[in-house]
Amino acid sequence: MKRRIFKLLSILFLLTIFSLVYIYINKKYGFFIPCLFHEITGFYCPGCGVTRMFFSLFKGDILSAFQYNMFVFTFLPFFIFYGMYKIYIYTVDKPDLVINKIPKYIIYMLIILCLLFAVLRNMEAFSFLAPTVH
């Protein structure tokens, strides 16, 4: 168990250092990592705007965060809870009993919603879903 905790803390340390360097570069030079899908196709993927969403959340600007990526913002509490649960399961080395109890149709529904969000945010009628603040 100590080895797993050390491994998790090492990963957390590296992620923190990477995040701080990225935040510094962003503030100093205004650099954002571009979405490769958007750069190549010109369309917004389901994840476009997530980086700006997190920057807005760190600043406390909830409305802008929501407008950058409504899908990820809406499901963020569930993603955080599930991530913390998986870290706990890994740390204490117990079997994952929850993921096997989630009905498959829930997972399929989330995938369909994500794909639907990706398609709609690229249509003119749903331009408010694009990752820009109005």
N, C-alpha and C. Protein backbone atom coordinates (compact mmCIF):
# COMPACT_ATOMS: atom_id res chain seq x y z
N MET A 1 0.82 -1.19 0.00
CA MET A 1 0.00 0.00 0.00
C MET A 1 0.87 1.26 0.00
N LYS A 2 1.98 1.24 0.73
CA LYS A 2 2.86 2.41 0.78
C LYS A 2 3.44 2.71 -0.60
N ARG A 3 3.74 1.65 -1.34
CA ARG A 3 4.29 1.83 -2.68
C ARG A 3 3.27 2.50 -3.61
N ARG A 4 2.02 2.10 -3.49
CA ARG A 4 0.97 2.70 -4.32
C ARG A 4 0.75 4.18 -3.95
N ILE A 5 0.77 4.49 -2.67
CA ILE A 5 0.61 5.87 -2.23
C ILE A 5 1.77 6.72 -2.73
N PHE A 6 2.99 6.18 -2.64
CA PHE A 6 4.16 6.91 -3.14
C PHE A 6 4.03 7.16 -4.64
N LYS A 7 3.58 6.16 -5.37
CA LYS A 7 3.41 6.30 -6.82
C LYS A 7 2.35 7.37 -7.13
N LEU A 8 1.23 7.36 -6.42
CA LEU A 8 0.19 8.37 -6.63
C LEU A 8 0.69 9.77 -6.29
N LEU A 9 1.42 9.91 -5.19
CA LEU A 9 1.95 11.21 -4.80
C LEU A 9 2.98 11.71 -5.81
N SER A 10 3.77 10.80 -6.36
CA SER A 10 4.74 11.19 -7.39
C SER A 10 4.04 11.71 -8.64
N ILE A 11 2.98 11.00 -9.06
CA ILE A 11 2.22 11.44 -10.23
C ILE A 11 1.55 12.78 -9.95
N LEU A 12 0.99 12.94 -8.76
CA LEU A 12 0.35 14.20 -8.38
C LEU A 12 1.37 15.34 -8.38
N PHE A 13 2.56 15.09 -7.88
CA PHE A 13 3.62 16.09 -7.86
C PHE A 13 3.99 16.52 -9.28
N LEU A 14 4.18 15.54 -10.17
CA LEU A 14 4.53 15.85 -11.55
C LEU A 14 3.41 16.61 -12.26
N LEU A 15 2.16 16.22 -12.03
CA LEU A 15 1.04 16.93 -12.63
C LEU A 15 0.95 18.37 -12.11
N THR A 16 1.24 18.56 -10.82
CA THR A 16 1.22 19.90 -10.25
C THR A 16 2.29 20.77 -10.87
N ILE A 17 3.50 20.24 -11.00
CA ILE A 17 4.60 20.99 -11.63
C ILE A 17 4.25 21.34 -13.06
N PHE A 18 3.76 20.36 -13.83
CA PHE A 18 3.37 20.60 -15.21
C PHE A 18 2.29 21.68 -15.29
N SER A 19 1.29 21.60 -14.41
CA SER A 19 0.19 22.58 -14.41
C SER A 19 0.70 23.98 -14.09
N LEU A 20 1.58 24.09 -13.10
CA LEU A 20 2.11 25.40 -12.73
C LEU A 20 2.93 26.01 -13.87
N VAL A 21 3.74 25.19 -14.53
CA VAL A 21 4.51 25.68 -15.67
C VAL A 21 3.57 26.13 -16.79
N TYR A 22 2.54 25.34 -17.06
CA TYR A 22 1.58 25.68 -18.11
C TYR A 22 0.84 26.97 -17.77
N ILE A 23 0.43 27.12 -16.52
CA ILE A 23 -0.26 28.35 -16.09
C ILE A 23 0.67 29.55 -16.24
N TYR A 24 1.93 29.39 -15.86
CA TYR A 24 2.89 30.48 -15.99
C TYR A 24 3.07 30.87 -17.46
N ILE A 25 3.26 29.88 -18.33
CA ILE A 25 3.44 30.15 -19.76
C ILE A 25 2.18 30.81 -20.33
N ASN A 26 1.02 30.34 -19.89
CA ASN A 26 -0.23 30.91 -20.38
C ASN A 26 -0.37 32.37 -19.95
N LYS A 27 -0.07 32.68 -18.70
CA LYS A 27 -0.20 34.06 -18.23
C LYS A 27 0.83 34.98 -18.88
N LYS A 28 2.04 34.48 -19.04
CA LYS A 28 3.12 35.31 -19.58
C LYS A 28 2.97 35.54 -21.09
N TYR A 29 2.62 34.46 -21.83
CA TYR A 29 2.61 34.53 -23.29
C TYR A 29 1.22 34.35 -23.91
N GLY A 30 0.21 34.04 -23.11
CA GLY A 30 -1.14 33.81 -23.64
C GLY A 30 -1.23 32.55 -24.48
N PHE A 31 -0.40 31.56 -24.17
CA PHE A 31 -0.33 30.33 -24.96
C PHE A 31 -1.33 29.30 -24.44
N PHE A 32 -2.17 28.79 -25.33
CA PHE A 32 -3.04 27.66 -25.04
C PHE A 32 -2.64 26.51 -25.96
N ILE A 33 -2.75 25.30 -25.46
CA ILE A 33 -2.50 24.14 -26.31
C ILE A 33 -3.69 24.01 -27.25
N PRO A 34 -3.46 24.06 -28.56
CA PRO A 34 -4.59 24.01 -29.49
C PRO A 34 -5.16 22.59 -29.60
N CYS A 35 -6.42 22.53 -29.96
CA CYS A 35 -7.08 21.24 -30.21
C CYS A 35 -6.67 20.77 -31.60
N LEU A 36 -6.02 19.63 -31.68
CA LEU A 36 -5.56 19.12 -32.98
C LEU A 36 -6.73 18.80 -33.90
N PHE A 37 -7.81 18.26 -33.33
CA PHE A 37 -8.99 17.95 -34.14
C PHE A 37 -9.54 19.22 -34.79
N HIS A 38 -9.64 20.29 -34.02
CA HIS A 38 -10.15 21.56 -34.55
C HIS A 38 -9.18 22.17 -35.56
N GLU A 39 -7.88 22.06 -35.29
CA GLU A 39 -6.88 22.61 -36.21
C GLU A 39 -6.93 21.90 -37.56
N ILE A 40 -7.15 20.59 -37.56
CA ILE A 40 -7.14 19.82 -38.80
C ILE A 40 -8.47 19.93 -39.54
N THR A 41 -9.60 19.80 -38.81
CA THR A 41 -10.90 19.73 -39.47
C THR A 41 -11.67 21.04 -39.48
N GLY A 42 -11.39 21.92 -38.52
CA GLY A 42 -12.16 23.15 -38.40
C GLY A 42 -13.42 22.97 -37.57
N PHE A 43 -13.68 21.74 -37.13
CA PHE A 43 -14.85 21.45 -36.29
C PHE A 43 -14.44 21.37 -34.83
N TYR A 44 -15.40 21.64 -33.95
CA TYR A 44 -15.16 21.51 -32.51
C TYR A 44 -15.40 20.07 -32.06
N CYS A 45 -14.47 19.54 -31.31
CA CYS A 45 -14.65 18.21 -30.75
C CYS A 45 -15.39 18.34 -29.41
N PRO A 46 -15.80 17.23 -28.78
CA PRO A 46 -16.50 17.34 -27.50
C PRO A 46 -15.64 17.96 -26.40
N GLY A 47 -14.32 17.94 -26.56
CA GLY A 47 -13.43 18.47 -25.52
C GLY A 47 -12.93 19.88 -25.77
N CYS A 48 -13.27 20.47 -26.92
CA CYS A 48 -12.82 21.83 -27.21
C CYS A 48 -13.33 22.79 -26.14
N GLY A 49 -12.43 23.59 -25.61
CA GLY A 49 -12.79 24.57 -24.60
C GLY A 49 -12.56 24.12 -23.17
N VAL A 50 -12.14 22.86 -22.99
CA VAL A 50 -11.96 22.34 -21.62
C VAL A 50 -10.82 23.06 -20.89
N THR A 51 -9.73 23.35 -21.58
CA THR A 51 -8.62 24.05 -20.93
C THR A 51 -9.06 25.43 -20.45
N ARG A 52 -9.74 26.15 -21.33
CA ARG A 52 -10.24 27.48 -20.94
C ARG A 52 -11.29 27.36 -19.85
N MET A 53 -12.07 26.27 -19.87
CA MET A 53 -13.05 26.04 -18.82
C MET A 53 -12.36 25.91 -17.47
N PHE A 54 -11.28 25.13 -17.42
CA PHE A 54 -10.56 24.96 -16.15
C PHE A 54 -9.90 26.26 -15.69
N PHE A 55 -9.35 27.03 -16.63
CA PHE A 55 -8.78 28.32 -16.26
C PHE A 55 -9.86 29.23 -15.67
N SER A 56 -11.03 29.22 -16.28
CA SER A 56 -12.13 30.04 -15.76
C SER A 56 -12.57 29.55 -14.38
N LEU A 57 -12.60 28.24 -14.19
CA LEU A 57 -12.97 27.70 -12.87
C LEU A 57 -11.96 28.11 -11.81
N PHE A 58 -10.67 28.08 -12.15
CA PHE A 58 -9.64 28.49 -11.20
C PHE A 58 -9.76 29.96 -10.84
N LYS A 59 -10.26 30.77 -11.80
CA LYS A 59 -10.47 32.19 -11.53
C LYS A 59 -11.78 32.45 -10.80
N GLY A 60 -12.64 31.43 -10.73
CA GLY A 60 -13.93 31.59 -10.08
C GLY A 60 -15.03 32.09 -11.02
N ASP A 61 -14.75 32.11 -12.32
CA ASP A 61 -15.73 32.58 -13.30
C ASP A 61 -16.54 31.39 -13.80
N ILE A 62 -17.59 31.05 -13.07
CA ILE A 62 -18.37 29.85 -13.35
C ILE A 62 -19.15 29.98 -14.67
N LEU A 63 -19.69 31.15 -14.95
CA LEU A 63 -20.47 31.33 -16.17
C LEU A 63 -19.60 31.12 -17.41
N SER A 64 -18.42 31.71 -17.43
CA SER A 64 -17.52 31.52 -18.57
C SER A 64 -17.10 30.06 -18.69
N ALA A 65 -16.83 29.41 -17.56
CA ALA A 65 -16.46 28.00 -17.58
C ALA A 65 -17.57 27.17 -18.22
N PHE A 66 -18.80 27.46 -17.84
CA PHE A 66 -19.94 26.73 -18.41
C PHE A 66 -20.05 26.98 -19.91
N GLN A 67 -19.81 28.20 -20.35
CA GLN A 67 -19.95 28.53 -21.75
C GLN A 67 -18.82 27.94 -22.61
N TYR A 68 -17.68 27.70 -22.03
CA TYR A 68 -16.58 27.10 -22.81
C TYR A 68 -16.88 25.66 -23.17
N ASN A 69 -17.41 24.87 -22.23
CA ASN A 69 -17.76 23.48 -22.54
C ASN A 69 -18.86 23.04 -21.60
N MET A 70 -20.09 23.15 -22.06
CA MET A 70 -21.25 22.85 -21.23
C MET A 70 -21.34 21.38 -20.86
N PHE A 71 -20.93 20.51 -21.77
CA PHE A 71 -21.03 19.07 -21.53
C PHE A 71 -20.09 18.64 -20.40
N VAL A 72 -18.81 18.96 -20.53
CA VAL A 72 -17.84 18.55 -19.51
C VAL A 72 -18.13 19.25 -18.19
N PHE A 73 -18.52 20.53 -18.24
CA PHE A 73 -18.84 21.26 -17.03
C PHE A 73 -19.98 20.58 -16.27
N THR A 74 -21.00 20.15 -16.98
CA THR A 74 -22.16 19.52 -16.35
C THR A 74 -21.79 18.21 -15.68
N PHE A 75 -20.93 17.43 -16.32
CA PHE A 75 -20.58 16.12 -15.78
C PHE A 75 -19.33 16.14 -14.91
N LEU A 76 -18.71 17.30 -14.73
CA LEU A 76 -17.47 17.40 -13.96
C LEU A 76 -17.58 16.84 -12.54
N PRO A 77 -18.64 17.11 -11.79
CA PRO A 77 -18.73 16.52 -10.44
C PRO A 77 -18.69 14.98 -10.46
N PHE A 78 -19.33 14.38 -11.46
CA PHE A 78 -19.32 12.92 -11.57
C PHE A 78 -17.93 12.41 -11.94
N PHE A 79 -17.25 13.12 -12.85
CA PHE A 79 -15.88 12.74 -13.23
C PHE A 79 -14.95 12.83 -12.03
N ILE A 80 -15.08 13.89 -11.25
CA ILE A 80 -14.23 14.06 -10.06
C ILE A 80 -14.49 12.96 -9.05
N PHE A 81 -15.76 12.71 -8.79
CA PHE A 81 -16.12 11.65 -7.82
C PHE A 81 -15.59 10.30 -8.29
N TYR A 82 -15.79 9.99 -9.56
CA TYR A 82 -15.34 8.70 -10.08
C TYR A 82 -13.81 8.60 -10.03
N GLY A 83 -13.12 9.68 -10.36
CA GLY A 83 -11.65 9.67 -10.29
C GLY A 83 -11.15 9.46 -8.87
N MET A 84 -11.79 10.12 -7.90
CA MET A 84 -11.39 9.94 -6.50
C MET A 84 -11.68 8.51 -6.05
N TYR A 85 -12.80 7.97 -6.50
CA TYR A 85 -13.15 6.58 -6.17
C TYR A 85 -12.10 5.62 -6.73
N LYS A 86 -11.71 5.82 -7.99
CA LYS A 86 -10.71 4.93 -8.60
C LYS A 86 -9.36 5.04 -7.90
N ILE A 87 -8.98 6.25 -7.47
CA ILE A 87 -7.73 6.42 -6.73
C ILE A 87 -7.81 5.67 -5.41
N TYR A 88 -8.95 5.78 -4.74
CA TYR A 88 -9.13 5.05 -3.47
C TYR A 88 -9.03 3.54 -3.69
N ILE A 89 -9.71 3.04 -4.71
CA ILE A 89 -9.68 1.60 -5.00
C ILE A 89 -8.25 1.15 -5.29
N TYR A 90 -7.52 1.95 -6.05
CA TYR A 90 -6.14 1.61 -6.38
C TYR A 90 -5.27 1.62 -5.12
N THR A 91 -5.46 2.64 -4.27
CA THR A 91 -4.62 2.80 -3.09
C THR A 91 -4.80 1.66 -2.10
N VAL A 92 -6.04 1.28 -1.83
CA VAL A 92 -6.29 0.24 -0.83
C VAL A 92 -6.31 -1.16 -1.44
N ASP A 93 -6.12 -1.23 -2.77
CA ASP A 93 -6.04 -2.51 -3.49
C ASP A 93 -7.28 -3.38 -3.25
N LYS A 94 -8.44 -2.79 -3.52
CA LYS A 94 -9.70 -3.52 -3.41
C LYS A 94 -10.31 -3.66 -4.80
N PRO A 95 -11.17 -4.64 -4.98
CA PRO A 95 -11.82 -4.79 -6.29
C PRO A 95 -12.82 -3.66 -6.54
N ASP A 96 -12.95 -3.29 -7.79
CA ASP A 96 -13.89 -2.23 -8.18
C ASP A 96 -15.28 -2.84 -8.30
N LEU A 97 -16.12 -2.57 -7.32
CA LEU A 97 -17.47 -3.13 -7.31
C LEU A 97 -18.50 -2.22 -7.96
N VAL A 98 -18.19 -0.94 -8.09
CA VAL A 98 -19.17 0.01 -8.61
C VAL A 98 -19.29 -0.06 -10.13
N ILE A 99 -18.17 -0.08 -10.83
CA ILE A 99 -18.22 -0.01 -12.30
C ILE A 99 -18.99 -1.19 -12.88
N ASN A 100 -18.94 -2.33 -12.23
CA ASN A 100 -19.67 -3.49 -12.73
C ASN A 100 -21.17 -3.38 -12.48
N LYS A 101 -21.58 -2.47 -11.59
CA LYS A 101 -23.00 -2.31 -11.29
C LYS A 101 -23.65 -1.20 -12.11
N ILE A 102 -22.85 -0.42 -12.82
CA ILE A 102 -23.42 0.62 -13.68
C ILE A 102 -23.97 -0.06 -14.92
N PRO A 103 -25.27 0.12 -15.18
CA PRO A 103 -25.86 -0.53 -16.35
C PRO A 103 -25.19 -0.04 -17.64
N LYS A 104 -25.05 -0.94 -18.58
CA LYS A 104 -24.39 -0.62 -19.85
C LYS A 104 -25.13 0.50 -20.59
N TYR A 105 -26.45 0.56 -20.45
CA TYR A 105 -27.18 1.58 -21.18
C TYR A 105 -26.83 2.99 -20.68
N ILE A 106 -26.41 3.13 -19.43
CA ILE A 106 -25.98 4.43 -18.91
C ILE A 106 -24.69 4.86 -19.63
N ILE A 107 -23.76 3.94 -19.75
CA ILE A 107 -22.50 4.24 -20.43
C ILE A 107 -22.76 4.56 -21.91
N TYR A 108 -23.62 3.77 -22.56
CA TYR A 108 -23.95 4.03 -23.96
C TYR A 108 -24.64 5.39 -24.10
N MET A 109 -25.51 5.72 -23.16
CA MET A 109 -26.21 6.99 -23.21
C MET A 109 -25.22 8.16 -23.09
N LEU A 110 -24.23 8.03 -22.21
CA LEU A 110 -23.22 9.09 -22.08
C LEU A 110 -22.41 9.25 -23.36
N ILE A 111 -22.07 8.15 -23.99
CA ILE A 111 -21.34 8.21 -25.26
C ILE A 111 -22.17 8.88 -26.34
N ILE A 112 -23.45 8.52 -26.40
CA ILE A 112 -24.34 9.12 -27.40
C ILE A 112 -24.51 10.61 -27.12
N LEU A 113 -24.67 11.00 -25.85
CA LEU A 113 -24.79 12.42 -25.50
C LEU A 113 -23.53 13.19 -25.89
N CYS A 114 -22.38 12.59 -25.66
CA CYS A 114 -21.12 13.24 -26.01
C CYS A 114 -21.02 13.44 -27.52
N LEU A 115 -21.36 12.43 -28.28
CA LEU A 115 -21.32 12.54 -29.74
C LEU A 115 -22.36 13.53 -30.25
N LEU A 116 -23.54 13.53 -29.66
CA LEU A 116 -24.58 14.48 -30.03
C LEU A 116 -24.13 15.91 -29.74
N PHE A 117 -23.50 16.10 -28.59
CA PHE A 117 -22.96 17.41 -28.24
C PHE A 117 -21.93 17.86 -29.27
N ALA A 118 -21.07 16.93 -29.68
CA ALA A 118 -20.03 17.26 -30.67
C ALA A 118 -20.64 17.67 -32.00
N VAL A 119 -21.69 16.99 -32.42
CA VAL A 119 -22.32 17.32 -33.70
C VAL A 119 -23.07 18.64 -33.60
N LEU A 120 -23.87 18.80 -32.55
CA LEU A 120 -24.70 20.01 -32.41
C LEU A 120 -23.87 21.28 -32.28
N ARG A 121 -22.75 21.21 -31.56
CA ARG A 121 -21.97 22.44 -31.35
C ARG A 121 -21.32 22.95 -32.63
N ASN A 122 -21.35 22.14 -33.68
CA ASN A 122 -20.79 22.57 -34.97
C ASN A 122 -21.86 23.02 -35.96
N MET A 123 -23.12 23.01 -35.53
CA MET A 123 -24.22 23.45 -36.38
C MET A 123 -24.54 24.91 -36.07
N GLU A 124 -24.90 25.64 -37.11
CA GLU A 124 -25.19 27.07 -36.96
C GLU A 124 -26.32 27.32 -35.97
N ALA A 125 -27.34 26.49 -35.99
CA ALA A 125 -28.49 26.68 -35.09
C ALA A 125 -28.11 26.52 -33.62
N PHE A 126 -27.05 25.79 -33.35
CA PHE A 126 -26.62 25.54 -31.97
C PHE A 126 -25.25 26.17 -31.71
N SER A 127 -24.98 27.30 -32.32
CA SER A 127 -23.68 27.95 -32.19
C SER A 127 -23.37 28.35 -30.75
N PHE A 128 -24.41 28.45 -29.90
CA PHE A 128 -24.15 28.79 -28.49
C PHE A 128 -23.42 27.67 -27.77
N LEU A 129 -23.34 26.47 -28.35
CA LEU A 129 -22.59 25.38 -27.75
C LEU A 129 -21.10 25.43 -28.09
N ALA A 130 -20.73 26.28 -29.05
CA ALA A 130 -19.31 26.42 -29.42
C ALA A 130 -18.55 27.01 -28.24
N PRO A 131 -17.27 26.68 -28.11
CA PRO A 131 -16.50 27.11 -26.92
C PRO A 131 -16.08 28.57 -26.94
N THR A 132 -17.03 29.46 -27.00
CA THR A 132 -16.72 30.88 -26.93
C THR A 132 -17.65 31.52 -25.91
N VAL A 133 -17.19 32.57 -25.29
CA VAL A 133 -18.01 33.29 -24.32
C VAL A 133 -18.78 34.37 -25.07
N HIS A 134 -20.07 34.40 -24.88
CA HIS A 134 -20.91 35.41 -25.56
C HIS A 134 -21.07 36.62 -24.68
